[in-house]
Amino acid sequence: MCEENHFKLLLIEDNPGDARLILEMLDETGGNEFELEIRDKLAGGLEYIKEEKLDIIVMDLGLPDSQGFETFKSVRNAAPDSPIVVLTGHDDKTFGINAVQDGAQDYLVKGQITGCLLTRSLQYAIERQKLIRKLQEANSKINTLQGLLPICAACKKIRDKSGSWTSVETFVRDRSDAEFTHSMCPECAKEYYPQLYKEGKLFKDNKV
């Protein structure tokens, strides 16, 4: 992955005119933000993907050695963590829509692309992919809490893998990004502060 605000971009495009146009648009609007590498065949693009960690991929669906939606699927499978923006012609926009539904971050129609539209699409695609990665990491942390956990029947502490007993709050906090606020459920409030509970001074809309 490149340094912040400097992104490594792979363009898989066999039309020299289209490739040159995209390069010019990036030069005009992106400055040095994108480091561009161009491949004119799917095979060459897949080989480059194996060699480099890419921030984003822009690809045509019609290449000399691959056509249509299968082209996208091949790149997506080779670079599952890299955001992909698909280039389509006027007659195959359906392929672009299908690609987005199957994991592409965006699609652009040739002949309708401006410099601002291109760079905005690339930037948004990168940011959306970062968000997806964060959500996946968060889900992974949550999944580590699944399974059988030894809990003390009396004090409700949890025994970790080292054999130490710790509070539920500490156990969850150390294994996730969760933050805690402290309150009291109605049952405990009724038991420990019966008079205040009876007078309705502890709760508003059933909350402490």
Foldseek 3Di string as FASTA:
>chain_A
DDDPQAFEEEEAAQDPVVVVVLVVLCVVPVPRSYDYDYHPALVVVLVVLVVDDGQAYEYEQDGPVHHALVSLVVVCVSHVLHAYEYEYEPVVVVSQVVSVVVGHQYYDYPPPDGSVNVVVSSVVRSVVSVVVVVVVVQVVLVCVPDDDWDADPPPRWTQDPVRDTDRPVVVSVVRHVDDDDDFDALVVCCVPPVVCSVVVNRDDPRGD
